[in-house]
Amino acid sequence: MNDRTKSNIPFAGLHAHSGVGSPFDGLGYPAEHMEFAFQNGNDSLALTDHGNMNGFAYQVQHARAMIKEGKDFKPIFGVEAYFLPSIDDWREQLEKAKADKKAKKSIDKSQAGTTIEDESTKREVKNILNRRRHLILLAQNQKGLNNIFSLVSKSYSKDNFYRFPRMDYKTLSEHSEGVIAASACLTKDAILHTDKGKQTLGEVIDRLHNNEKVLTLSYNIEKDKICYEEVAWGDITRKNAEIVKIKLKNGNTLRLTPDHKVFTDKGWIEASDLKKHKKIKILSLK
């Protein structure tokens, strides 16, 4: 019998980043994620790194080790893909940009197998060529896993790659069997079911700002059922979000939200409360 916390509510995390496949957006090895989930009462966990499946081998190897130890745990294989409605339309705009001298100078020709997700860069990028949406893809079976492998490989092809790997509806339709798709990192265009019909997230927020009462279809944990609940708060924070910048002695800079917890020599405190010369703990994966 394993000594671990028993979860009263069955739960499986379907969106997680590791330090192996999502530098600067994830921490730890897949094995550490899996063990943490198991010790907290979960029997499964998905790894969905940015644009790649570099953590796949780690998942497989550690899942086998857990089985040998008598731990009933299921690794869920997946990826957080970069998505566009149409690669053809995007490619057409890319070619137009290449024809322009100024745009041509700004094109970064370097390509790498690991994608670094930089939130600050995303806020500053206005060029349509760099835009992409996030999409969670999970393997339902072996066929689905093979299809995700194909999707990821195609996203890095020379026709789809520009700073980030990309896939579109056409590519997804060609490799959809056995693949479960879910939304991630919602934008203001995301559709919500409300008491006023289908509304975009942006429209719901606009209604809130106009002091209108809006109910959205959601899951109520206490009632254990899906029902309409009143929206208490909403805002589009990405554009004007307040950011705390922490400059370290080694020259690196951390960008955090004010309420982000930072571990210091005095314990955990919020980033906004940090003072000059305060010592903070930095985790190194080396």
C-alpha atoms as a PDB file:
ATOM      1  CA  MET A   1       0.000   0.000   0.000  1.00  0.00           C
ATOM      2  CA  ASN A   2       1.500   3.329  -1.050  1.00  0.00           C
ATOM      3  CA  ASP A   3       1.528   6.144   1.501  1.00  0.00           C
ATOM      4  CA  ARG A   4      -0.096   8.967  -0.402  1.00  0.00           C
ATOM      5  CA  THR A   5      -2.880  11.526  -0.157  1.00  0.00           C
ATOM      6  CA  LYS A   6      -6.283  10.219  -1.206  1.00  0.00           C
ATOM      7  CA  SER A   7      -8.158  12.595  -3.496  1.00  0.00           C
ATOM      8  CA  ASN A   8     -11.876  12.925  -2.756  1.00  0.00           C
ATOM      9  CA  ILE A   9     -12.534  14.297  -6.239  1.00  0.00           C
ATOM     10  CA  PRO A  10     -11.292  12.274  -9.252  1.00  0.00           C
ATOM     11  CA  PHE A  11      -8.994  14.575 -11.201  1.00  0.00           C
ATOM     12  CA  ALA A  12      -6.546  14.317 -14.085  1.00  0.00           C
ATOM     13  CA  GLY A  13      -4.361  17.271 -15.054  1.00  0.00           C
ATOM     14  CA  LEU A  14      -4.496  17.650 -18.837  1.00  0.00           C
ATOM     15  CA  HIS A  15      -2.185  20.654 -19.273  1.00  0.00           C
ATOM     16  CA  ALA A  16       1.290  20.632 -17.738  1.00  0.00           C
ATOM     17  CA  HIS A  17       4.720  21.957 -18.748  1.00  0.00           C
ATOM     18  CA  SER A  18       8.084  20.465 -17.829  1.00  0.00           C
ATOM     19  CA  GLY A  19      11.506  22.055 -17.846  1.00  0.00           C
ATOM     20  CA  VAL A  20      12.512  19.529 -20.522  1.00  0.00           C
ATOM     21  CA  GLY A  21      10.188  20.736 -23.269  1.00  0.00           C
ATOM     22  CA  SER A  22       9.009  24.165 -22.098  1.00  0.00           C
ATOM     23  CA  PRO A  23      12.034  26.245 -20.991  1.00  0.00           C
ATOM     24  CA  PHE A  24      11.094  29.322 -18.922  1.00  0.00           C
ATOM     25  CA  ASP A  25       7.456  28.145 -18.767  1.00  0.00           C
ATOM     26  CA  GLY A  26       7.869  24.828 -16.956  1.00  0.00           C
ATOM     27  CA  LEU A  27       9.950  23.348 -14.163  1.00  0.00           C
ATOM     28  CA  GLY A  28      11.225  19.901 -13.300  1.00  0.00           C
ATOM     29  CA  TYR A  29      11.408  16.615 -15.155  1.00  0.00           C
ATOM     30  CA  PRO A  30       8.319  14.655 -16.264  1.00  0.00           C
ATOM     31  CA  ALA A  31       9.122  12.038 -13.595  1.00  0.00           C
ATOM     32  CA  GLU A  32       8.813  14.689 -10.878  1.00  0.00           C
ATOM     33  CA  HIS A  33       5.439  15.812 -12.248  1.00  0.00           C
ATOM     34  CA  MET A  34       4.194  12.224 -12.320  1.00  0.00           C
ATOM     35  CA  GLU A  35       5.349  11.443  -8.785  1.00  0.00           C
ATOM     36  CA  PHE A  36       3.853  14.654  -7.427  1.00  0.00           C
ATOM     37  CA  ALA A  37       0.499  13.889  -9.060  1.00  0.00           C
ATOM     38  CA  PHE A  38       0.529  10.314  -7.722  1.00  0.00           C
ATOM     39  CA  GLN A  39       1.420  11.366  -4.174  1.00  0.00           C
ATOM     40  CA  ASN A  40      -1.517  13.788  -4.252  1.00  0.00           C
ATOM     41  CA  GLY A  41      -4.054  11.139  -5.153  1.00  0.00           C
ATOM     42  CA  ASN A  42      -4.075  11.298  -8.966  1.00  0.00           C
ATOM     43  CA  ASP A  43      -3.753   8.207 -11.142  1.00  0.00           C
ATOM     44  CA  SER A  44      -2.938   9.996 -14.404  1.00  0.00           C
ATOM     45  CA  LEU A  45      -1.355  13.165 -15.793  1.00  0.00           C
ATOM     46  CA  ALA A  46      -0.828  14.701 -19.241  1.00  0.00           C
ATOM     47  CA  LEU A  47       2.394  16.388 -20.292  1.00  0.00           C
ATOM     48  CA  THR A  48       1.769  19.127 -22.874  1.00  0.00           C
ATOM     49  CA  ASP A  49       4.983  20.984 -23.601  1.00  0.00           C
ATOM     50  CA  HIS A  50       5.165  23.868 -26.071  1.00  0.00           C
ATOM     51  CA  GLY A  51       5.262  22.663 -29.668  1.00  0.00           C
ATOM     52  CA  ASN A  52       7.259  19.498 -28.950  1.00  0.00           C
ATOM     53  CA  MET A  53       7.166  16.090 -27.286  1.00  0.00           C
ATOM     54  CA  ASN A  54      10.716  16.080 -25.944  1.00  0.00           C
ATOM     55  CA  GLY A  55       9.472  14.759 -22.617  1.00  0.00           C
ATOM     56  CA  PHE A  56       7.809  11.679 -24.145  1.00  0.00           C
ATOM     57  CA  ALA A  57      10.704   9.268 -23.514  1.00  0.00           C
ATOM     58  CA  TYR A  58      10.955  10.470 -19.895  1.00  0.00           C
ATOM     59  CA  GLN A  59       7.248   9.746 -19.413  1.00  0.00           C
ATOM     60  CA  VAL A  60       7.481   6.239 -20.847  1.00  0.00           C
ATOM     61  CA  GLN A  61      10.562   5.278 -18.853  1.00  0.00           C
ATOM     62  CA  HIS A  62       9.231   6.567 -15.556  1.00  0.00           C
ATOM     63  CA  ALA A  63       5.791   5.039 -16.106  1.00  0.00           C
ATOM     64  CA  ARG A  64       7.503   1.647 -16.412  1.00  0.00           C
ATOM     65  CA  ALA A  65       9.440   2.329 -13.215  1.00  0.00           C
ATOM     66  CA  MET A  66       6.217   3.243 -11.387  1.00  0.00           C
ATOM     67  CA  ILE A  67       4.554   0.017 -12.524  1.00  0.00           C
ATOM     68  CA  LYS A  68       7.470  -1.995 -11.114  1.00  0.00           C
ATOM     69  CA  GLU A  69       6.987  -0.180  -7.800  1.00  0.00           C
ATOM     70  CA  GLY A  70       3.311  -1.134  -7.770  1.00  0.00           C
ATOM     71  CA  LYS A  71       2.078   2.374  -8.514  1.00  0.00           C
ATOM     72  CA  ASP A  72      -1.071   2.408 -10.643  1.00  0.00           C
ATOM     73  CA  PHE A  73      -0.446   5.500 -12.767  1.00  0.00           C
ATOM     74  CA  LYS A  74      -1.211   6.361 -16.381  1.00  0.00           C
ATOM     75  CA  PRO A  75       0.878   8.890 -18.352  1.00  0.00           C
ATOM     76  CA  ILE A  76      -1.155  10.825 -20.914  1.00  0.00           C
ATOM     77  CA  PHE A  77       0.842  11.813 -23.986  1.00  0.00           C
ATOM     78  CA  GLY A  78       0.217  15.151 -25.659  1.00  0.00           C
ATOM     79  CA  VAL A  79       1.443  18.549 -26.770  1.00  0.00           C
ATOM     80  CA  GLU A  80       0.419  22.189 -26.572  1.00  0.00           C
ATOM     81  CA  ALA A  81       0.492  22.941 -30.282  1.00  0.00           C
ATOM     82  CA  TYR A  82       0.785  26.288 -32.026  1.00  0.00           C
ATOM     83  CA  PHE A  83      -2.229  26.674 -34.260  1.00  0.00           C
ATOM     84  CA  LEU A  84      -3.432  28.885 -37.114  1.00  0.00           C
ATOM     85  CA  PRO A  85      -6.684  28.505 -39.090  1.00  0.00           C
ATOM     86  CA  SER A  86      -4.815  28.386 -42.421  1.00  0.00           C
ATOM     87  CA  ILE A  87      -1.100  27.886 -43.067  1.00  0.00           C
ATOM     88  CA  ASP A  88      -1.661  28.843 -46.732  1.00  0.00           C
ATOM     89  CA  ASP A  89      -3.017  32.279 -45.767  1.00  0.00           C
ATOM     90  CA  TRP A  90      -0.201  32.770 -43.261  1.00  0.00           C
ATOM     91  CA  ARG A  91       2.421  31.687 -45.809  1.00  0.00           C
ATOM     92  CA  GLU A  92       1.050  34.190 -48.330  1.00  0.00           C
ATOM     93  CA  GLN A  93       1.517  37.013 -45.809  1.00  0.00           C
ATOM     94  CA  LEU A  94       5.000  35.737 -44.981  1.00  0.00           C
ATOM     95  CA  GLU A  95       6.048  35.868 -48.629  1.00  0.00           C
ATOM     96  CA  LYS A  96       4.724  39.419 -48.905  1.00  0.00           C
ATOM     97  CA  ALA A  97       6.747  40.393 -45.849  1.00  0.00           C
ATOM     98  CA  LYS A  98       9.891  38.825 -47.315  1.00  0.00           C
ATOM     99  CA  ALA A  99       9.463  40.961 -50.410  1.00  0.00           C
ATOM    100  CA  ASP A 100       9.629  44.083 -48.283  1.00  0.00           C
ATOM    101  CA  LYS A 101      13.185  45.124 -47.399  1.00  0.00           C
ATOM    102  CA  LYS A 102      12.451  46.250 -43.860  1.00  0.00           C
ATOM    103  CA  ALA A 103      10.418  43.159 -43.032  1.00  0.00           C
ATOM    104  CA  LYS A 104      13.093  40.954 -44.586  1.00  0.00           C
ATOM    105  CA  LYS A 105      15.728  42.315 -42.205  1.00  0.00           C
ATOM    106  CA  SER A 106      13.587  41.419 -39.205  1.00  0.00           C
ATOM    107  CA  ILE A 107      13.111  37.767 -40.185  1.00  0.00           C
ATOM    108  CA  ASP A 108      14.971  35.402 -37.897  1.00  0.00           C
ATOM    109  CA  LYS A 109      16.188  32.453 -39.953  1.00  0.00           C
ATOM    110  CA  SER A 110      17.333  30.361 -36.985  1.00  0.00           C
ATOM    111  CA  GLN A 111      15.340  27.231 -36.204  1.00  0.00           C
ATOM    112  CA  ALA A 112      15.535  24.956 -33.175  1.00  0.00           C
ATOM    113  CA  GLY A 113      13.872  21.800 -31.933  1.00  0.00           C
ATOM    114  CA  THR A 114      12.920  23.306 -28.583  1.00  0.00           C
ATOM    115  CA  THR A 115      10.561  26.267 -28.420  1.00  0.00           C
ATOM    116  CA  ILE A 116      11.089  28.866 -25.693  1.00  0.00           C
ATOM    117  CA  GLU A 117       7.849  30.525 -24.685  1.00  0.00           C
ATOM    118  CA  ASP A 118       8.474  34.147 -23.724  1.00  0.00           C
ATOM    119  CA  GLU A 119       5.328  35.831 -22.396  1.00  0.00           C
ATOM    120  CA  SER A 120       6.847  39.325 -22.601  1.00  0.00           C
ATOM    121  CA  THR A 121       7.695  38.817 -26.267  1.00  0.00           C
ATOM    122  CA  LYS A 122       4.133  37.739 -26.995  1.00  0.00           C
ATOM    123  CA  ARG A 123       2.800  40.942 -25.515  1.00  0.00           C
ATOM    124  CA  GLU A 124       5.044  43.078 -27.702  1.00  0.00           C
ATOM    125  CA  VAL A 125       4.572  41.200 -30.973  1.00  0.00           C
ATOM    126  CA  LYS A 126       2.067  42.904 -33.241  1.00  0.00           C
ATOM    127  CA  ASN A 127       3.221  41.458 -36.555  1.00  0.00           C
ATOM    128  CA  ILE A 128       0.659  38.970 -37.885  1.00  0.00           C
ATOM    129  CA  LEU A 129       3.500  36.685 -38.965  1.00  0.00           C
ATOM    130  CA  ASN A 130       4.388  35.901 -35.360  1.00  0.00           C
ATOM    131  CA  ARG A 131       0.855  35.329 -34.114  1.00  0.00           C
ATOM    132  CA  ARG A 132      -0.319  31.880 -33.126  1.00  0.00           C
ATOM    133  CA  ARG A 133      -2.906  30.261 -30.931  1.00  0.00           C
ATOM    134  CA  HIS A 134      -2.451  27.447 -28.422  1.00  0.00           C
ATOM    135  CA  LEU A 135      -4.212  24.107 -28.780  1.00  0.00           C
ATOM    136  CA  ILE A 136      -3.956  21.084 -26.473  1.00  0.00           C
ATOM    137  CA  LEU A 137      -3.712  17.752 -28.311  1.00  0.00           C
ATOM    138  CA  LEU A 138      -3.932  14.478 -26.334  1.00  0.00           C
ATOM    139  CA  ALA A 139      -3.452  10.918 -27.577  1.00  0.00           C
ATOM    140  CA  GLN A 140      -6.511   8.743 -26.997  1.00  0.00           C
ATOM    141  CA  ASN A 141      -4.780   5.578 -28.264  1.00  0.00           C
ATOM    142  CA  GLN A 142      -1.760   4.410 -30.285  1.00  0.00           C
ATOM    143  CA  LYS A 143      -3.246   5.755 -33.507  1.00  0.00           C
ATOM    144  CA  GLY A 144      -3.733   9.129 -31.858  1.00  0.00           C
ATOM    145  CA  LEU A 145      -0.151   9.119 -30.583  1.00  0.00           C
ATOM    146  CA  ASN A 146       1.169   8.356 -34.063  1.00  0.00           C
ATOM    147  CA  ASN A 147      -0.965  11.180 -35.458  1.00  0.00           C
ATOM    148  CA  ILE A 148       0.380  13.665 -32.888  1.00  0.00           C
ATOM    149  CA  PHE A 149       3.917  12.636 -33.823  1.00  0.00           C
ATOM    150  CA  SER A 150       3.063  13.401 -37.464  1.00  0.00           C
ATOM    151  CA  LEU A 151       1.448  16.727 -36.568  1.00  0.00           C
ATOM    152  CA  VAL A 152       4.448  17.873 -34.544  1.00  0.00           C
ATOM    153  CA  SER A 153       6.878  16.817 -37.289  1.00  0.00           C
ATOM    154  CA  LYS A 154       4.907  18.691 -39.950  1.00  0.00           C
ATOM    155  CA  SER A 155       4.674  21.792 -37.748  1.00  0.00           C
ATOM    156  CA  TYR A 156       8.471  22.079 -37.896  1.00  0.00           C
ATOM    157  CA  SER A 157       8.649  21.740 -41.694  1.00  0.00           C
ATOM    158  CA  LYS A 158      10.076  24.652 -43.645  1.00  0.00           C
ATOM    159  CA  ASP A 159       6.605  25.615 -44.878  1.00  0.00           C
ATOM    160  CA  ASN A 160       5.113  25.836 -41.386  1.00  0.00           C
ATOM    161  CA  PHE A 161       7.967  27.137 -39.259  1.00  0.00           C
ATOM    162  CA  TYR A 162       8.720  30.805 -38.585  1.00  0.00           C
ATOM    163  CA  ARG A 163      10.167  31.269 -35.087  1.00  0.00           C
ATOM    164  CA  PHE A 164       7.459  28.857 -33.927  1.00  0.00           C
ATOM    165  CA  PRO A 165       6.140  25.551 -35.354  1.00  0.00           C
ATOM    166  CA  ARG A 166       2.587  25.729 -36.691  1.00  0.00           C
ATOM    167  CA  MET A 167      -0.303  23.536 -37.779  1.00  0.00           C
ATOM    168  CA  ASP A 168      -3.750  24.378 -39.145  1.00  0.00           C
ATOM    169  CA  TYR A 169      -7.243  22.934 -39.667  1.00  0.00           C
ATOM    170  CA  LYS A 170      -6.169  21.133 -42.822  1.00  0.00           C
ATOM    171  CA  THR A 171      -3.248  19.405 -41.104  1.00  0.00           C
ATOM    172  CA  LEU A 172      -5.405  18.507 -38.103  1.00  0.00           C
ATOM    173  CA  SER A 173      -8.114  17.000 -40.315  1.00  0.00           C
ATOM    174  CA  GLU A 174      -5.502  14.760 -41.953  1.00  0.00           C
ATOM    175  CA  HIS A 175      -4.320  13.433 -38.584  1.00  0.00           C
ATOM    176  CA  SER A 176      -7.355  13.649 -36.303  1.00  0.00           C
ATOM    177  CA  GLU A 177      -8.103  10.005 -35.586  1.00  0.00           C
ATOM    178  CA  GLY A 178      -7.489   9.131 -31.951  1.00  0.00           C
ATOM    179  CA  VAL A 179      -6.625  12.721 -31.039  1.00  0.00           C
ATOM    180  CA  ILE A 180      -8.516  14.728 -28.418  1.00  0.00           C
ATOM    181  CA  ALA A 181      -8.294  18.516 -28.889  1.00  0.00           C
ATOM    182  CA  ALA A 182      -8.925  21.043 -26.126  1.00  0.00           C
ATOM    183  CA  SER A 183      -8.626  24.805 -25.792  1.00  0.00           C
ATOM    184  CA  ALA A 184      -5.739  26.462 -23.970  1.00  0.00           C
ATOM    185  CA  CYS A 185      -4.824  30.048 -23.114  1.00  0.00           C
ATOM    186  CA  LEU A 186      -8.222  31.477 -23.999  1.00  0.00           C
ATOM    187  CA  THR A 187      -8.390  34.645 -26.098  1.00  0.00           C
ATOM    188  CA  LYS A 188     -11.158  37.232 -26.242  1.00  0.00           C
ATOM    189  CA  ASP A 189     -12.566  35.381 -29.279  1.00  0.00           C
ATOM    190  CA  ALA A 190     -13.305  32.226 -27.245  1.00  0.00           C
ATOM    191  CA  ILE A 191     -17.011  31.310 -27.294  1.00  0.00           C
ATOM    192  CA  LEU A 192     -18.923  31.012 -24.001  1.00  0.00           C
ATOM    193  CA  HIS A 193     -22.458  29.696 -23.466  1.00  0.00           C
ATOM    194  CA  THR A 194     -24.355  32.396 -21.556  1.00  0.00           C
ATOM    195  CA  ASP A 195     -27.919  33.084 -20.516  1.00  0.00           C
ATOM    196  CA  LYS A 196     -27.970  35.500 -23.475  1.00  0.00           C
ATOM    197  CA  GLY A 197     -26.834  32.886 -25.986  1.00  0.00           C
ATOM    198  CA  LYS A 198     -23.360  32.241 -27.331  1.00  0.00           C
ATOM    199  CA  GLN A 199     -21.043  35.162 -26.591  1.00  0.00           C
ATOM    200  CA  THR A 200     -17.332  35.697 -27.055  1.00  0.00           C
ATOM    201  CA  LEU A 201     -15.206  36.200 -23.954  1.00  0.00           C
ATOM    202  CA  GLY A 202     -14.621  39.779 -25.107  1.00  0.00           C
ATOM    203  CA  GLU A 203     -18.365  40.426 -25.401  1.00  0.00           C
ATOM    204  CA  VAL A 204     -19.000  39.041 -21.916  1.00  0.00           C
ATOM    205  CA  ILE A 205     -16.332  41.327 -20.467  1.00  0.00           C
ATOM    206  CA  ASP A 206     -17.790  44.326 -22.305  1.00  0.00           C
ATOM    207  CA  ARG A 207     -21.194  43.541 -20.770  1.00  0.00           C
ATOM    208  CA  LEU A 208     -19.642  43.347 -17.307  1.00  0.00           C
ATOM    209  CA  HIS A 209     -17.991  46.725 -17.807  1.00  0.00           C
ATOM    210  CA  ASN A 210     -21.443  48.079 -18.728  1.00  0.00           C
ATOM    211  CA  ASN A 211     -22.735  46.775 -15.357  1.00  0.00           C
ATOM    212  CA  GLU A 212     -24.795  44.008 -16.958  1.00  0.00           C
ATOM    213  CA  LYS A 213     -25.395  40.727 -15.156  1.00  0.00           C
ATOM    214  CA  VAL A 214     -24.077  37.768 -17.170  1.00  0.00           C
ATOM    215  CA  LEU A 215     -24.493  34.056 -16.425  1.00  0.00           C
ATOM    216  CA  THR A 216     -22.205  31.483 -18.067  1.00  0.00           C
ATOM    217  CA  LEU A 217     -22.521  27.727 -18.276  1.00  0.00           C
ATOM    218  CA  SER A 218     -19.959  26.220 -15.896  1.00  0.00           C
ATOM    219  CA  TYR A 219     -19.325  23.370 -13.477  1.00  0.00           C
ATOM    220  CA  ASN A 220     -20.353  23.896  -9.862  1.00  0.00           C
ATOM    221  CA  ILE A 221     -18.152  21.738  -7.610  1.00  0.00           C
ATOM    222  CA  GLU A 222     -20.400  22.041  -4.537  1.00  0.00           C
ATOM    223  CA  LYS A 223     -23.543  21.065  -6.474  1.00  0.00           C
ATOM    224  CA  ASP A 224     -21.608  18.577  -8.625  1.00  0.00           C
ATOM    225  CA  LYS A 225     -23.427  19.627 -11.770  1.00  0.00           C
ATOM    226  CA  ILE A 226     -23.192  21.915 -14.786  1.00  0.00           C
ATOM    227  CA  CYS A 227     -25.293  25.041 -14.400  1.00  0.00           C
ATOM    228  CA  TYR A 228     -25.361  28.769 -15.142  1.00  0.00           C
ATOM    229  CA  GLU A 229     -23.281  30.837 -12.737  1.00  0.00           C
ATOM    230  CA  GLU A 230     -22.937  34.606 -12.473  1.00  0.00           C
ATOM    231  CA  VAL A 231     -19.659  36.094 -13.726  1.00  0.00           C
ATOM    232  CA  ALA A 232     -18.175  38.104 -10.860  1.00  0.00           C
ATOM    233  CA  TRP A 233     -15.144  39.598 -12.606  1.00  0.00           C
ATOM    234  CA  GLY A 234     -13.550  39.756 -16.019  1.00  0.00           C
ATOM    235  CA  ASP A 235     -10.911  41.733 -17.842  1.00  0.00           C
ATOM    236  CA  ILE A 236      -8.493  41.516 -20.767  1.00  0.00           C
ATOM    237  CA  THR A 237      -5.268  41.807 -18.808  1.00  0.00           C
ATOM    238  CA  ARG A 238      -2.623  40.733 -21.311  1.00  0.00           C
ATOM    239  CA  LYS A 239      -2.301  44.117 -23.049  1.00  0.00           C
ATOM    240  CA  ASN A 240      -2.094  46.312 -19.971  1.00  0.00           C
ATOM    241  CA  ALA A 241      -1.004  43.791 -17.344  1.00  0.00           C
ATOM    242  CA  GLU A 242       1.202  45.142 -14.585  1.00  0.00           C
ATOM    243  CA  ILE A 243       4.579  43.436 -14.565  1.00  0.00           C
ATOM    244  CA  VAL A 244       7.281  43.365 -11.879  1.00  0.00           C
ATOM    245  CA  LYS A 245      10.830  43.131 -13.237  1.00  0.00           C
ATOM    246  CA  ILE A 246      13.524  41.620 -11.025  1.00  0.00           C
ATOM    247  CA  LYS A 247      17.112  42.125 -12.139  1.00  0.00           C
ATOM    248  CA  LEU A 248      19.579  39.560 -10.791  1.00  0.00           C
ATOM    249  CA  LYS A 249      23.306  39.917 -10.146  1.00  0.00           C
ATOM    250  CA  ASN A 250      24.093  37.586 -13.049  1.00  0.00           C
ATOM    251  CA  GLY A 251      22.436  40.022 -15.439  1.00  0.00           C
ATOM    252  CA  ASN A 252      19.264  38.002 -15.986  1.00  0.00           C
ATOM    253  CA  THR A 253      15.848  39.614 -15.554  1.00  0.00           C
ATOM    254  CA  LEU A 254      12.703  37.933 -14.229  1.00  0.00           C
ATOM    255  CA  ARG A 255       9.297  39.273 -15.281  1.00  0.00           C
ATOM    256  CA  LEU A 256       6.466  38.391 -12.895  1.00  0.00           C
ATOM    257  CA  THR A 257       2.970  39.467 -11.995  1.00  0.00           C
ATOM    258  CA  PRO A 258       2.857  41.460  -8.719  1.00  0.00           C
ATOM    259  CA  ASP A 259       1.158  38.621  -6.799  1.00  0.00           C
ATOM    260  CA  HIS A 260       3.604  35.948  -7.992  1.00  0.00           C
ATOM    261  CA  LYS A 261       5.170  34.194  -4.966  1.00  0.00           C
ATOM    262  CA  VAL A 262       8.990  34.273  -4.747  1.00  0.00           C
ATOM    263  CA  PHE A 263      11.029  32.155  -2.326  1.00  0.00           C
ATOM    264  CA  THR A 264      13.468  34.280  -0.315  1.00  0.00           C
ATOM    265  CA  ASP A 265      15.730  33.850   2.714  1.00  0.00           C
ATOM    266  CA  LYS A 266      12.699  34.996   4.751  1.00  0.00           C
ATOM    267  CA  GLY A 267      10.231  32.577   3.162  1.00  0.00           C
ATOM    268  CA  TRP A 268       7.623  33.072   0.425  1.00  0.00           C
ATOM    269  CA  ILE A 269       6.644  36.663  -0.393  1.00  0.00           C
ATOM    270  CA  GLU A 270       4.873  38.358  -3.300  1.00  0.00           C
ATOM    271  CA  ALA A 271       7.023  39.829  -6.067  1.00  0.00           C
ATOM    272  CA  SER A 272       5.588  43.297  -5.444  1.00  0.00           C
ATOM    273  CA  ASP A 273       6.951  43.193  -1.870  1.00  0.00           C
ATOM    274  CA  LEU A 274      10.552  42.458  -2.848  1.00  0.00           C
ATOM    275  CA  LYS A 275      13.123  45.004  -1.756  1.00  0.00           C
ATOM    276  CA  LYS A 276      16.585  45.771  -3.089  1.00  0.00           C
ATOM    277  CA  HIS A 277      19.322  43.348  -1.993  1.00  0.00           C
ATOM    278  CA  LYS A 278      16.746  40.748  -0.899  1.00  0.00           C
ATOM    279  CA  LYS A 279      18.062  37.220  -1.575  1.00  0.00           C
ATOM    280  CA  ILE A 280      15.842  34.913  -3.624  1.00  0.00           C
ATOM    281  CA  LYS A 281      16.197  31.212  -4.402  1.00  0.00           C
ATOM    282  CA  ILE A 282      16.730  30.318  -8.081  1.00  0.00           C
ATOM    283  CA  LEU A 283      16.251  26.695  -9.124  1.00  0.00           C
ATOM    284  CA  SER A 284      18.951  25.460 -11.519  1.00  0.00           C
ATOM    285  CA  LEU A 285      18.339  22.460 -13.770  1.00  0.00           C
ATOM    286  CA  LYS A 286      22.074  21.984 -14.384  1.00  0.00           C
END
